[in-house]
PDB file of N, CA and C in Angstrom:
ATOM      1  N   MET A   1     314.703  66.964 239.755  1.00  0.00           N
ATOM      2  CA  MET A   1     315.293  66.212 238.680  1.00  0.00           C
ATOM      3  C   MET A   1     314.304  66.163 237.512  1.00  0.00           C
ATOM      4  N   LEU A   2     314.762  66.565 236.349  1.00  0.00           N
ATOM      5  CA  LEU A   2     313.924  66.557 235.153  1.00  0.00           C
ATOM      6  C   LEU A   2     313.788  65.126 234.648  1.00  0.00           C
ATOM      7  N   LEU A   3     312.542  64.661 234.537  1.00  0.00           N
ATOM      8  CA  LEU A   3     312.296  63.284 234.100  1.00  0.00           C
ATOM      9  C   LEU A   3     312.181  63.165 232.591  1.00  0.00           C
ATOM     10  N   ASN A   4     311.400  64.034 231.992  1.00  0.00           N
ATOM     11  CA  ASN A   4     311.309  64.062 230.539  1.00  0.00           C
ATOM     12  C   ASN A   4     310.758  65.404 230.114  1.00  0.00           C
ATOM     13  N   TYR A   5     310.923  65.729 228.854  1.00  0.00           N
ATOM     14  CA  TYR A   5     310.476  67.018 228.352  1.00  0.00           C
ATOM     15  C   TYR A   5     310.220  66.939 226.857  1.00  0.00           C
ATOM     16  N   ARG A   6     309.429  67.882 226.382  1.00  0.00           N
ATOM     17  CA  ARG A   6     309.227  68.109 224.952  1.00  0.00           C
ATOM     18  C   ARG A   6     309.233  69.606 224.764  1.00  0.00           C
ATOM     19  N   GLU A   7     310.163  70.077 223.987  1.00  0.00           N
ATOM     20  CA  GLU A   7     310.282  71.511 223.768  1.00  0.00           C
ATOM     21  C   GLU A   7     309.669  71.918 222.438  1.00  0.00           C
ATOM     22  N   LYS A   8     308.916  72.983 222.502  1.00  0.00           N
ATOM     23  CA  LYS A   8     308.342  73.661 221.348  1.00  0.00           C
ATOM     24  C   LYS A   8     307.665  72.714 220.362  1.00  0.00           C
ATOM     25  N   SER A   9     306.725  71.965 220.873  1.00  0.00           N
ATOM     26  CA  SER A   9     305.890  71.097 220.039  1.00  0.00           C
ATOM     27  C   SER A   9     304.738  71.923 219.479  1.00  0.00           C
ATOM     28  N   LEU A  10     304.512  71.826 218.193  1.00  0.00           N
ATOM     29  CA  LEU A  10     303.430  72.569 217.560  1.00  0.00           C
ATOM     30  C   LEU A  10     302.186  71.688 217.531  1.00  0.00           C
ATOM     31  N   LEU A  11     301.183  72.100 218.278  1.00  0.00           N
ATOM     32  CA  LEU A  11     299.911  71.370 218.303  1.00  0.00           C
ATOM     33  C   LEU A  11     298.952  72.041 217.331  1.00  0.00           C
ATOM     34  N   ARG A  12     298.293  71.237 216.535  1.00  0.00           N
ATOM     35  CA  ARG A  12     297.310  71.734 215.564  1.00  0.00           C
ATOM     36  C   ARG A  12     295.957  71.105 215.856  1.00  0.00           C
ATOM     37  N   ARG A  13     294.940  71.610 215.185  1.00  0.00           N
ATOM     38  CA  ARG A  13     293.576  71.118 215.425  1.00  0.00           C
ATOM     39  C   ARG A  13     293.476  69.598 215.310  1.00  0.00           C
ATOM     40  N   ALA A  14     294.174  69.016 214.371  1.00  0.00           N
ATOM     41  CA  ALA A  14     294.052  67.579 214.121  1.00  0.00           C
ATOM     42  C   ALA A  14     294.797  66.719 215.135  1.00  0.00           C
ATOM     43  N   ASN A  15     295.783  67.294 215.858  1.00  0.00           N
ATOM     44  CA  ASN A  15     296.604  66.437 216.703  1.00  0.00           C
ATOM     45  C   ASN A  15     296.724  66.870 218.160  1.00  0.00           C
ATOM     46  N   TRP A  16     296.117  67.951 218.571  1.00  0.00           N
ATOM     47  CA  TRP A  16     296.428  68.496 219.892  1.00  0.00           C
ATOM     48  C   TRP A  16     296.030  67.572 221.037  1.00  0.00           C
ATOM     49  N   GLN A  17     294.875  66.913 220.939  1.00  0.00           N
ATOM     50  CA  GLN A  17     294.440  66.056 222.045  1.00  0.00           C
ATOM     51  C   GLN A  17     295.338  64.826 222.224  1.00  0.00           C
ATOM     52  N   PRO A  18     295.632  64.064 221.159  1.00  0.00           N
ATOM     53  CA  PRO A  18     296.534  62.924 221.346  1.00  0.00           C
ATOM     54  C   PRO A  18     297.949  63.351 221.761  1.00  0.00           C
ATOM     55  N   GLU A  19     298.401  64.496 221.264  1.00  0.00           N
ATOM     56  CA  GLU A  19     299.737  64.977 221.638  1.00  0.00           C
ATOM     57  C   GLU A  19     299.805  65.321 223.120  1.00  0.00           C
ATOM     58  N   LEU A  20     298.790  66.012 223.637  1.00  0.00           N
ATOM     59  CA  LEU A  20     298.779  66.326 225.072  1.00  0.00           C
ATOM     60  C   LEU A  20     298.741  65.049 225.900  1.00  0.00           C
ATOM     61  N   ALA A  21     297.946  64.087 225.475  1.00  0.00           N
ATOM     62  CA  ALA A  21     297.869  62.814 226.195  1.00  0.00           C
ATOM     63  C   ALA A  21     299.225  62.110 226.180  1.00  0.00           C
ATOM     64  N   ALA A  22     299.898  62.122 225.040  1.00  0.00           N
ATOM     65  CA  ALA A  22     301.215  61.485 224.933  1.00  0.00           C
ATOM     66  C   ALA A  22     302.245  62.178 225.822  1.00  0.00           C
ATOM     67  N   MET A  23     302.072  63.470 226.052  1.00  0.00           N
ATOM     68  CA  MET A  23     302.981  64.230 226.921  1.00  0.00           C
ATOM     69  C   MET A  23     302.662  64.028 228.396  1.00  0.00           C
ATOM     70  N   GLY A  24     301.540  63.390 228.677  1.00  0.00           N
ATOM     71  CA  GLY A  24     301.157  63.175 230.067  1.00  0.00           C
ATOM     72  C   GLY A  24     300.462  64.365 230.697  1.00  0.00           C
ATOM     73  N   ILE A  25     299.914  65.247 229.872  1.00  0.00           N
ATOM     74  CA  ILE A  25     299.198  66.428 230.374  1.00  0.00           C
ATOM     75  C   ILE A  25     297.761  66.033 230.656  1.00  0.00           C
ATOM     76  N   THR A  26     297.372  66.067 231.931  1.00  0.00           N
ATOM     77  CA  THR A  26     296.026  65.661 232.327  1.00  0.00           C
ATOM     78  C   THR A  26     295.287  66.741 233.111  1.00  0.00           C
ATOM     79  N   GLU A  27     295.966  67.818 233.487  1.00  0.00           N
ATOM     80  CA  GLU A  27     295.340  68.866 234.287  1.00  0.00           C
ATOM     81  C   GLU A  27     294.285  69.583 233.447  1.00  0.00           C
ATOM     82  N   GLU A  28     293.040  69.539 233.904  1.00  0.00           N
ATOM     83  CA  GLU A  28     291.913  70.102 233.145  1.00  0.00           C
ATOM     84  C   GLU A  28     292.104  71.589 232.844  1.00  0.00           C
ATOM     85  N   ALA A  29     292.609  72.344 233.814  1.00  0.00           N
ATOM     86  CA  ALA A  29     292.797  73.787 233.601  1.00  0.00           C
ATOM     87  C   ALA A  29     293.789  74.054 232.473  1.00  0.00           C
ATOM     88  N   VAL A  30     294.819  73.250 232.379  1.00  0.00           N
ATOM     89  CA  VAL A  30     295.821  73.399 231.323  1.00  0.00           C
ATOM     90  C   VAL A  30     295.224  73.006 229.978  1.00  0.00           C
ATOM     91  N   ILE A  31     294.506  71.900 229.949  1.00  0.00           N
ATOM     92  CA  ILE A  31     293.892  71.426 228.706  1.00  0.00           C
ATOM     93  C   ILE A  31     292.916  72.471 228.164  1.00  0.00           C
ATOM     94  N   GLU A  32     292.156  73.111 229.033  1.00  0.00           N
ATOM     95  CA  GLU A  32     291.199  74.135 228.598  1.00  0.00           C
ATOM     96  C   GLU A  32     291.898  75.301 227.914  1.00  0.00           C
ATOM     97  N   VAL A  33     293.018  75.742 228.457  1.00  0.00           N
ATOM     98  CA  VAL A  33     293.758  76.860 227.857  1.00  0.00           C
ATOM     99  C   VAL A  33     294.299  76.473 226.487  1.00  0.00           C
ATOM    100  N   ILE A  34     294.873  75.287 226.373  1.00  0.00           N
ATOM    101  CA  ILE A  34     295.395  74.823 225.085  1.00  0.00           C
ATOM    102  C   ILE A  34     294.258  74.657 224.076  1.00  0.00           C
ATOM    103  N   ALA A  35     293.139  74.093 224.504  1.00  0.00           N
ATOM    104  CA  ALA A  35     291.988  73.911 223.609  1.00  0.00           C
ATOM    105  C   ALA A  35     291.506  75.256 223.079  1.00  0.00           C
ATOM    106  N   ARG A  36     291.439  76.254 223.946  1.00  0.00           N
ATOM    107  CA  ARG A  36     291.002  77.587 223.526  1.00  0.00           C
ATOM    108  C   ARG A  36     291.986  78.209 222.535  1.00  0.00           C
ATOM    109  N   GLU A  37     293.278  78.050 222.796  1.00  0.00           N
ATOM    110  CA  GLU A  37     294.303  78.597 221.898  1.00  0.00           C
ATOM    111  C   GLU A  37     294.235  77.929 220.520  1.00  0.00           C
ATOM    112  N   VAL A  38     294.096  76.623 220.491  1.00  0.00           N
ATOM    113  CA  VAL A  38     294.007  75.895 219.222  1.00  0.00           C
ATOM    114  C   VAL A  38     292.729  76.293 218.478  1.00  0.00           C
ATOM    115  N   ALA A  39     291.615  76.437 219.186  1.00  0.00           N
ATOM    116  CA  ALA A  39     290.357  76.818 218.540  1.00  0.00           C
ATOM    117  C   ALA A  39     290.444  78.223 217.933  1.00  0.00           C
ATOM    118  N   GLU A  40     291.087  79.143 218.652  1.00  0.00           N
ATOM    119  CA  GLU A  40     291.174  80.527 218.175  1.00  0.00           C
ATOM    120  C   GLU A  40     292.224  80.721 217.089  1.00  0.00           C
ATOM    121  N   LYS A  41     293.398  80.126 217.267  1.00  0.00           N
ATOM    122  CA  LYS A  41     294.512  80.395 216.362  1.00  0.00           C
ATOM    123  C   LYS A  41     294.823  79.244 215.408  1.00  0.00           C
ATOM    124  N   GLY A  42     294.244  78.069 215.668  1.00  0.00           N
ATOM    125  CA  GLY A  42     294.510  76.913 214.821  1.00  0.00           C
ATOM    126  C   GLY A  42     295.726  76.117 215.241  1.00  0.00           C
ATOM    127  N   GLU A  43     296.497  76.637 216.191  1.00  0.00           N
ATOM    128  CA  GLU A  43     297.680  75.935 216.670  1.00  0.00           C
ATOM    129  C   GLU A  43     298.128  76.513 218.010  1.00  0.00           C
ATOM    130  N   ALA A  44     298.987  75.769 218.674  1.00  0.00           N
ATOM    131  CA  ALA A  44     299.587  76.228 219.919  1.00  0.00           C
ATOM    132  C   ALA A  44     300.994  75.659 219.989  1.00  0.00           C
ATOM    133  N   LEU A  45     301.954  76.503 220.252  1.00  0.00           N
ATOM    134  CA  LEU A  45     303.342  76.083 220.403  1.00  0.00           C
ATOM    135  C   LEU A  45     303.600  75.914 221.891  1.00  0.00           C
ATOM    136  N   ILE A  46     303.862  74.676 222.303  1.00  0.00           N
ATOM    137  CA  ILE A  46     304.001  74.417 223.732  1.00  0.00           C
ATOM    138  C   ILE A  46     305.292  73.656 224.035  1.00  0.00           C
ATOM    139  N   SER A  47     305.708  73.775 225.279  1.00  0.00           N
ATOM    140  CA  SER A  47     306.777  72.949 225.839  1.00  0.00           C
ATOM    141  C   SER A  47     306.250  72.355 227.125  1.00  0.00           C
ATOM    142  N   CYS A  48     306.690  71.154 227.425  1.00  0.00           N
ATOM    143  CA  CYS A  48     306.229  70.463 228.626  1.00  0.00           C
ATOM    144  C   CYS A  48     307.431  69.831 229.320  1.00  0.00           C
ATOM    145  N   TYR A  49     307.553  70.079 230.622  1.00  0.00           N
ATOM    146  CA  TYR A  49     308.665  69.561 231.415  1.00  0.00           C
ATOM    147  C   TYR A  49     308.100  68.814 232.622  1.00  0.00           C
ATOM    148  N   HIS A  50     308.458  67.558 232.784  1.00  0.00           N
ATOM    149  CA  HIS A  50     308.046  66.759 233.939  1.00  0.00           C
ATOM    150  C   HIS A  50     309.247  66.593 234.861  1.00  0.00           C
ATOM    151  N   PHE A  51     309.015  66.731 236.156  1.00  0.00           N
ATOM    152  CA  PHE A  51     310.099  66.645 237.132  1.00  0.00           C
ATOM    153  C   PHE A  51     309.577  66.026 238.420  1.00  0.00           C
ATOM    154  N   ARG A  52     310.466  65.785 239.339  1.00  0.00           N
ATOM    155  CA  ARG A  52     310.120  65.335 240.692  1.00  0.00           C
ATOM    156  C   ARG A  52     310.571  66.410 241.667  1.00  0.00           C
ATOM    157  N   THR A  53     309.718  66.679 242.651  1.00  0.00           N
ATOM    158  CA  THR A  53     310.067  67.632 243.695  1.00  0.00           C
ATOM    159  C   THR A  53     311.092  66.981 244.623  1.00  0.00           C
ATOM    160  N   PRO A  54     311.751  67.765 245.471  1.00  0.00           N
ATOM    161  CA  PRO A  54     312.705  67.167 246.413  1.00  0.00           C
ATOM    162  C   PRO A  54     312.074  66.074 247.289  1.00  0.00           C
ATOM    163  N   SER A  55     310.768  66.166 247.540  1.00  0.00           N
ATOM    164  CA  SER A  55     310.100  65.136 248.340  1.00  0.00           C
ATOM    165  C   SER A  55     309.686  63.928 247.500  1.00  0.00           C
ATOM    166  N   GLY A  56     309.958  63.966 246.187  1.00  0.00           N
ATOM    167  CA  GLY A  56     309.655  62.838 245.310  1.00  0.00           C
ATOM    168  C   GLY A  56     308.313  62.910 244.613  1.00  0.00           C
ATOM    169  N   GLU A  57     307.540  63.965 244.867  1.00  0.00           N
ATOM    170  CA  GLU A  57     306.238  64.112 244.228  1.00  0.00           C
ATOM    171  C   GLU A  57     306.410  64.527 242.760  1.00  0.00           C
ATOM    172  N   PRO A  58     305.512  64.072 241.877  1.00  0.00           N
ATOM    173  CA  PRO A  58     305.604  64.479 240.476  1.00  0.00           C
ATOM    174  C   PRO A  58     305.124  65.916 240.288  1.00  0.00           C
ATOM    175  N   GLY A  59     305.728  66.573 239.321  1.00  0.00           N
ATOM    176  CA  GLY A  59     305.325  67.928 238.969  1.00  0.00           C
ATOM    177  C   GLY A  59     305.556  68.151 237.489  1.00  0.00           C
ATOM    178  N   SER A  60     304.985  69.232 236.971  1.00  0.00           N
ATOM    179  CA  SER A  60     305.195  69.556 235.563  1.00  0.00           C
ATOM    180  C   SER A  60     305.028  71.049 235.330  1.00  0.00           C
ATOM    181  N   ILE A  61     305.682  71.506 234.297  1.00  0.00           N
ATOM    182  CA  ILE A  61     305.488  72.873 233.804  1.00  0.00           C
ATOM    183  C   ILE A  61     305.091  72.747 232.349  1.00  0.00           C
ATOM    184  N   LEU A  62     304.020  73.417 231.978  1.00  0.00           N
ATOM    185  CA  LEU A  62     303.602  73.487 230.594  1.00  0.00           C
ATOM    186  C   LEU A  62     303.646  74.950 230.181  1.00  0.00           C
ATOM    187  N   VAL A  63     304.314  75.222 229.073  1.00  0.00           N
ATOM    188  CA  VAL A  63     304.457  76.586 228.571  1.00  0.00           C
ATOM    189  C   VAL A  63     303.714  76.699 227.247  1.00  0.00           C
ATOM    190  N   CYS A  64     302.889  77.732 227.116  1.00  0.00           N
ATOM    191  CA  CYS A  64     302.257  78.053 225.839  1.00  0.00           C
ATOM    192  C   CYS A  64     302.983  79.286 225.301  1.00  0.00           C
ATOM    193  N   HIS A  65     303.888  79.064 224.366  1.00  0.00           N
ATOM    194  CA  HIS A  65     304.763  80.122 223.882  1.00  0.00           C
ATOM    195  C   HIS A  65     304.014  81.243 223.175  1.00  0.00           C
ATOM    196  N   HIS A  66     302.923  80.924 222.454  1.00  0.00           N
ATOM    197  CA  HIS A  66     302.141  81.964 221.785  1.00  0.00           C
ATOM    198  C   HIS A  66     301.567  82.959 222.786  1.00  0.00           C
ATOM    199  N   LEU A  67     301.210  82.467 223.965  1.00  0.00           N
ATOM    200  CA  LEU A  67     300.583  83.316 224.980  1.00  0.00           C
ATOM    201  C   LEU A  67     301.588  83.950 225.927  1.00  0.00           C
ATOM    202  N   GLY A  68     302.806  83.405 225.981  1.00  0.00           N
ATOM    203  CA  GLY A  68     303.785  83.879 226.957  1.00  0.00           C
ATOM    204  C   GLY A  68     303.377  83.515 228.374  1.00  0.00           C
ATOM    205  N   ARG A  69     302.633  82.418 228.499  1.00  0.00           N
ATOM    206  CA  ARG A  69     302.130  81.966 229.804  1.00  0.00           C
ATOM    207  C   ARG A  69     302.507  80.524 230.037  1.00  0.00           C
ATOM    208  N   GLY A  70     302.480  80.156 231.286  1.00  0.00           N
ATOM    209  CA  GLY A  70     302.776  78.789 231.642  1.00  0.00           C
ATOM    210  C   GLY A  70     302.053  78.406 232.914  1.00  0.00           C
ATOM    211  N   ALA A  71     302.021  77.120 233.164  1.00  0.00           N
ATOM    212  CA  ALA A  71     301.394  76.592 234.375  1.00  0.00           C
ATOM    213  C   ALA A  71     302.347  75.602 235.015  1.00  0.00           C
ATOM    214  N   ILE A  72     302.435  75.671 236.328  1.00  0.00           N
ATOM    215  CA  ILE A  72     303.196  74.686 237.076  1.00  0.00           C
ATOM    216  C   ILE A  72     302.201  73.875 237.880  1.00  0.00           C
ATOM    217  N   SER A  73     302.372  72.563 237.849  1.00  0.00           N
ATOM    218  CA  SER A  73     301.449  71.674 238.552  1.00  0.00           C
ATOM    219  C   SER A  73     302.230  70.777 239.494  1.00  0.00           C
ATOM    220  N   PHE A  74     301.731  70.710 240.713  1.00  0.00           N
ATOM    221  CA  PHE A  74     302.220  69.774 241.713  1.00  0.00           C
ATOM    222  C   PHE A  74     301.012  68.942 242.094  1.00  0.00           C
ATOM    223  N   GLY A  75     300.914  67.718 241.576  1.00  0.00           N
ATOM    224  CA  GLY A  75     299.715  66.915 241.796  1.00  0.00           C
ATOM    225  C   GLY A  75     298.516  67.596 241.155  1.00  0.00           C
ATOM    226  N   THR A  76     297.485  67.866 241.950  1.00  0.00           N
ATOM    227  CA  THR A  76     296.283  68.512 241.418  1.00  0.00           C
ATOM    228  C   THR A  76     296.318  70.028 241.556  1.00  0.00           C
ATOM    229  N   ASN A  77     297.360  70.571 242.155  1.00  0.00           N
ATOM    230  CA  ASN A  77     297.492  72.015 242.343  1.00  0.00           C
ATOM    231  C   ASN A  77     298.189  72.630 241.134  1.00  0.00           C
ATOM    232  N   THR A  78     297.466  73.419 240.353  1.00  0.00           N
ATOM    233  CA  THR A  78     298.012  74.076 239.163  1.00  0.00           C
ATOM    234  C   THR A  78     297.959  75.576 239.366  1.00  0.00           C
ATOM    235  N   ARG A  79     299.101  76.227 239.119  1.00  0.00           N
ATOM    236  CA  ARG A  79     299.177  77.681 239.242  1.00  0.00           C
ATOM    237  C   ARG A  79     299.740  78.268 237.952  1.00  0.00           C
ATOM    238  N   TRP A  80     299.203  79.429 237.573  1.00  0.00           N
ATOM    239  CA  TRP A  80     299.533  80.070 236.300  1.00  0.00           C
ATOM    240  C   TRP A  80     300.454  81.265 236.494  1.00  0.00           C
ATOM    241  N   GLY A  81     301.195  81.561 235.414  1.00  0.00           N
ATOM    242  CA  GLY A  81     302.058  82.725 235.455  1.00  0.00           C
ATOM    243  C   GLY A  81     302.564  83.111 234.082  1.00  0.00           C
ATOM    244  N   HIS A  82     303.472  84.061 234.096  1.00  0.00           N
ATOM    245  CA  HIS A  82     304.108  84.590 232.878  1.00  0.00           C
ATOM    246  C   HIS A  82     305.390  83.808 232.618  1.00  0.00           C
ATOM    247  N   TRP A  83     305.598  83.381 231.365  1.00  0.00           N
ATOM    248  CA  TRP A  83     306.807  82.673 230.968  1.00  0.00           C
ATOM    249  C   TRP A  83     307.742  83.644 230.274  1.00  0.00           C
ATOM    250  N   ASP A  84     308.946  83.789 230.788  1.00  0.00           N
ATOM    251  CA  ASP A  84     309.977  84.636 230.199  1.00  0.00           C
ATOM    252  C   ASP A  84     310.812  83.776 229.253  1.00  0.00           C
ATOM    253  N   GLU A  85     310.689  84.022 227.953  1.00  0.00           N
ATOM    254  CA  GLU A  85     311.402  83.236 226.940  1.00  0.00           C
ATOM    255  C   GLU A  85     312.909  83.393 227.034  1.00  0.00           C
ATOM    256  N   THR A  86     313.366  84.575 227.399  1.00  0.00           N
ATOM    257  CA  THR A  86     314.802  84.829 227.453  1.00  0.00           C
ATOM    258  C   THR A  86     315.469  84.042 228.565  1.00  0.00           C
ATOM    259  N   TYR A  87     314.904  84.104 229.753  1.00  0.00           N
ATOM    260  CA  TYR A  87     315.520  83.460 230.914  1.00  0.00           C
ATOM    261  C   TYR A  87     314.904  82.093 231.250  1.00  0.00           C
ATOM    262  N   GLU A  88     313.861  81.705 230.536  1.00  0.00           N
ATOM    263  CA  GLU A  88     313.166  80.439 230.752  1.00  0.00           C
ATOM    264  C   GLU A  88     312.729  80.303 232.206  1.00  0.00           C
ATOM    265  N   ILE A  89     311.989  81.325 232.654  1.00  0.00           N
ATOM    266  CA  ILE A  89     311.503  81.374 234.029  1.00  0.00           C
ATOM    267  C   ILE A  89     310.003  81.620 234.020  1.00  0.00           C
ATOM    268  N   LEU A  90     309.297  80.874 234.862  1.00  0.00           N
ATOM    269  CA  LEU A  90     307.863  81.050 235.068  1.00  0.00           C
ATOM    270  C   LEU A  90     307.675  81.867 236.341  1.00  0.00           C
ATOM    271  N   THR A  91     307.020  83.031 236.227  1.00  0.00           N
ATOM    272  CA  THR A  91     306.714  83.867 237.389  1.00  0.00           C
ATOM    273  C   THR A  91     305.227  83.754 237.668  1.00  0.00           C
ATOM    274  N   LEU A  92     304.893  83.218 238.831  1.00  0.00           N
ATOM    275  CA  LEU A  92     303.490  82.988 239.171  1.00  0.00           C
ATOM    276  C   LEU A  92     302.761  84.293 239.414  1.00  0.00           C
ATOM    277  N   GLU A  93     301.522  84.349 238.934  1.00  0.00           N
ATOM    278  CA  GLU A  93     300.727  85.564 239.023  1.00  0.00           C
ATOM    279  C   GLU A  93     300.405  85.952 240.452  1.00  0.00           C
ATOM    280  N   GLU A  94     299.907  85.007 241.256  1.00  0.00           N
ATOM    281  CA  GLU A  94     299.395  85.375 242.574  1.00  0.00           C
ATOM    282  C   GLU A  94     300.487  85.621 243.602  1.00  0.00           C
ATOM    283  N   SER A  95     301.658  85.011 243.448  1.00  0.00           N
ATOM    284  CA  SER A  95     302.673  85.128 244.495  1.00  0.00           C
ATOM    285  C   SER A  95     303.978  85.765 244.036  1.00  0.00           C
ATOM    286  N   GLY A  96     304.213  85.795 242.738  1.00  0.00           N
ATOM    287  CA  GLY A  96     305.483  86.311 242.233  1.00  0.00           C
ATOM    288  C   GLY A  96     306.621  85.302 242.331  1.00  0.00           C
ATOM    289  N   GLU A  97     306.322  84.097 242.841  1.00  0.00           N
ATOM    290  CA  GLU A  97     307.354  83.057 242.906  1.00  0.00           C
ATOM    291  C   GLU A  97     307.839  82.748 241.499  1.00  0.00           C
ATOM    292  N   LYS A  98     309.122  82.367 241.408  1.00  0.00           N
ATOM    293  CA  LYS A  98     309.716  82.062 240.108  1.00  0.00           C
ATOM    294  C   LYS A  98     310.260  80.649 240.113  1.00  0.00           C
ATOM    295  N   PHE A  99     310.050  79.958 238.966  1.00  0.00           N
ATOM    296  CA  PHE A  99     310.524  78.588 238.796  1.00  0.00           C
ATOM    297  C   PHE A  99     311.183  78.445 237.440  1.00  0.00           C
ATOM    298  N   ASN A 100     312.243  77.606 237.380  1.00  0.00           N
ATOM    299  CA  ASN A 100     312.820  77.280 236.083  1.00  0.00           C
ATOM    300  C   ASN A 100     312.093  76.068 235.512  1.00  0.00           C
ATOM    301  N   PHE A 101     312.491  75.629 234.313  1.00  0.00           N
ATOM    302  CA  PHE A 101     311.779  74.532 233.657  1.00  0.00           C
ATOM    303  C   PHE A 101     311.912  73.211 234.401  1.00  0.00           C
ATOM    304  N   ASP A 102     312.873  73.126 235.311  1.00  0.00           N
ATOM    305  CA  ASP A 102     313.105  71.913 236.097  1.00  0.00           C
ATOM    306  C   ASP A 102     312.279  71.906 237.380  1.00  0.00           C
ATOM    307  N   GLY A 103     311.413  72.925 237.550  1.00  0.00           N
ATOM    308  CA  GLY A 103     310.565  73.005 238.731  1.00  0.00           C
ATOM    309  C   GLY A 103     311.273  73.533 239.962  1.00  0.00           C
ATOM    310  N   LYS A 104     312.487  74.025 239.790  1.00  0.00           N
ATOM    311  CA  LYS A 104     313.248  74.538 240.927  1.00  0.00           C
ATOM    312  C   LYS A 104     312.992  76.035 241.096  1.00  0.00           C
ATOM    313  N   PRO A 105     312.873  76.484 242.345  1.00  0.00           N
ATOM    314  CA  PRO A 105     312.685  77.922 242.582  1.00  0.00           C
ATOM    315  C   PRO A 105     313.879  78.725 242.070  1.00  0.00           C
ATOM    316  N   VAL A 106     313.584  79.892 241.547  1.00  0.00           N
ATOM    317  CA  VAL A 106     314.605  80.827 241.091  1.00  0.00           C
ATOM    318  C   VAL A 106     314.512  82.037 241.994  1.00  0.00           C
ATOM    319  N   TYR A 107     315.638  82.423 242.550  1.00  0.00           N
ATOM    320  CA  TYR A 107     315.651  83.532 243.498  1.00  0.00           C
ATOM    321  C   TYR A 107     316.201  84.786 242.859  1.00  0.00           C
ATOM    322  N   GLU A 108     315.895  85.930 243.439  1.00  0.00           N
ATOM    323  CA  GLU A 108     316.334  87.231 242.928  1.00  0.00           C
ATOM    324  C   GLU A 108     317.830  87.196 242.674  1.00  0.00           C
ATOM    325  N   GLY A 109     318.238  87.645 241.507  1.00  0.00           N
ATOM    326  CA  GLY A 109     319.646  87.661 241.144  1.00  0.00           C
ATOM    327  C   GLY A 109     320.063  86.470 240.315  1.00  0.00           C
ATOM    328  N   ASP A 110     319.279  85.391 240.349  1.00  0.00           N
ATOM    329  CA  ASP A 110     319.582  84.259 239.458  1.00  0.00           C
ATOM    330  C   ASP A 110     319.288  84.688 238.040  1.00  0.00           C
ATOM    331  N   GLU A 111     320.059  84.175 237.111  1.00  0.00           N
ATOM    332  CA  GLU A 111     319.826  84.520 235.708  1.00  0.00           C
ATOM    333  C   GLU A 111     318.949  83.493 235.021  1.00  0.00           C
ATOM    334  N   GLY A 112     318.325  82.628 235.785  1.00  0.00           N
ATOM    335  CA  GLY A 112     317.447  81.637 235.180  1.00  0.00           C
ATOM    336  C   GLY A 112     318.205  80.395 234.815  1.00  0.00           C
ATOM    337  N   SER A 113     317.633  79.639 233.936  1.00  0.00           N
ATOM    338  CA  SER A 113     318.201  78.357 233.548  1.00  0.00           C
ATOM    339  C   SER A 113     318.657  78.417 232.096  1.00  0.00           C
ATOM    340  N   CYS A 114     319.582  77.567 231.771  1.00  0.00           N
ATOM    341  CA  CYS A 114     320.016  77.501 230.371  1.00  0.00           C
ATOM    342  C   CYS A 114     319.021  76.627 229.603  1.00  0.00           C
ATOM    343  N   SER A 115     318.941  76.858 228.326  1.00  0.00           N
ATOM    344  CA  SER A 115     318.085  76.021 227.491  1.00  0.00           C
ATOM    345  C   SER A 115     318.636  74.613 227.469  1.00  0.00           C
ATOM    346  N   LEU A 116     317.738  73.629 227.401  1.00  0.00           N
ATOM    347  CA  LEU A 116     318.180  72.233 227.360  1.00  0.00           C
ATOM    348  C   LEU A 116     319.043  71.958 226.145  1.00  0.00           C
ATOM    349  N   GLY A 117     318.899  72.759 225.114  1.00  0.00           N
ATOM    350  CA  GLY A 117     319.694  72.536 223.908  1.00  0.00           C
ATOM    351  C   GLY A 117     320.990  73.317 223.882  1.00  0.00           C
ATOM    352  N   ASN A 118     321.244  74.128 224.901  1.00  0.00           N
ATOM    353  CA  ASN A 118     322.425  74.997 224.890  1.00  0.00           C
ATOM    354  C   ASN A 118     323.294  74.797 226.125  1.00  0.00           C
ATOM    355  N   PHE A 119     323.780  73.606 226.328  1.00  0.00           N
ATOM    356  CA  PHE A 119     324.623  73.347 227.502  1.00  0.00           C
ATOM    357  C   PHE A 119     325.976  73.971 227.313  1.00  0.00           C
TER     358      PHE A 119
END
């Protein structure tokens, strides 16, 4: 179940830290990637989705659109992958597992998830 989200927020040098904090992003590995992107390019276009797993644990997906990458976090476990803008699917690098923005697994043959703005 998707708890809250922010789609395509533009973070700039002057606001990126308070914006990430307001989004509830606390994973150090994720913050480091965003900090590096902002330092190099002056901005980062990100989306953040918070959800609950079927067992009730909190999780989140953070997408850095400039990089075409995203991270899924379950508690302190953060895993990185490629974000497909067309299908809105995160494919994890080490396992090939796929997740939609709601944190749900996507299986072969699924067309992904619809955009939150395009019901």
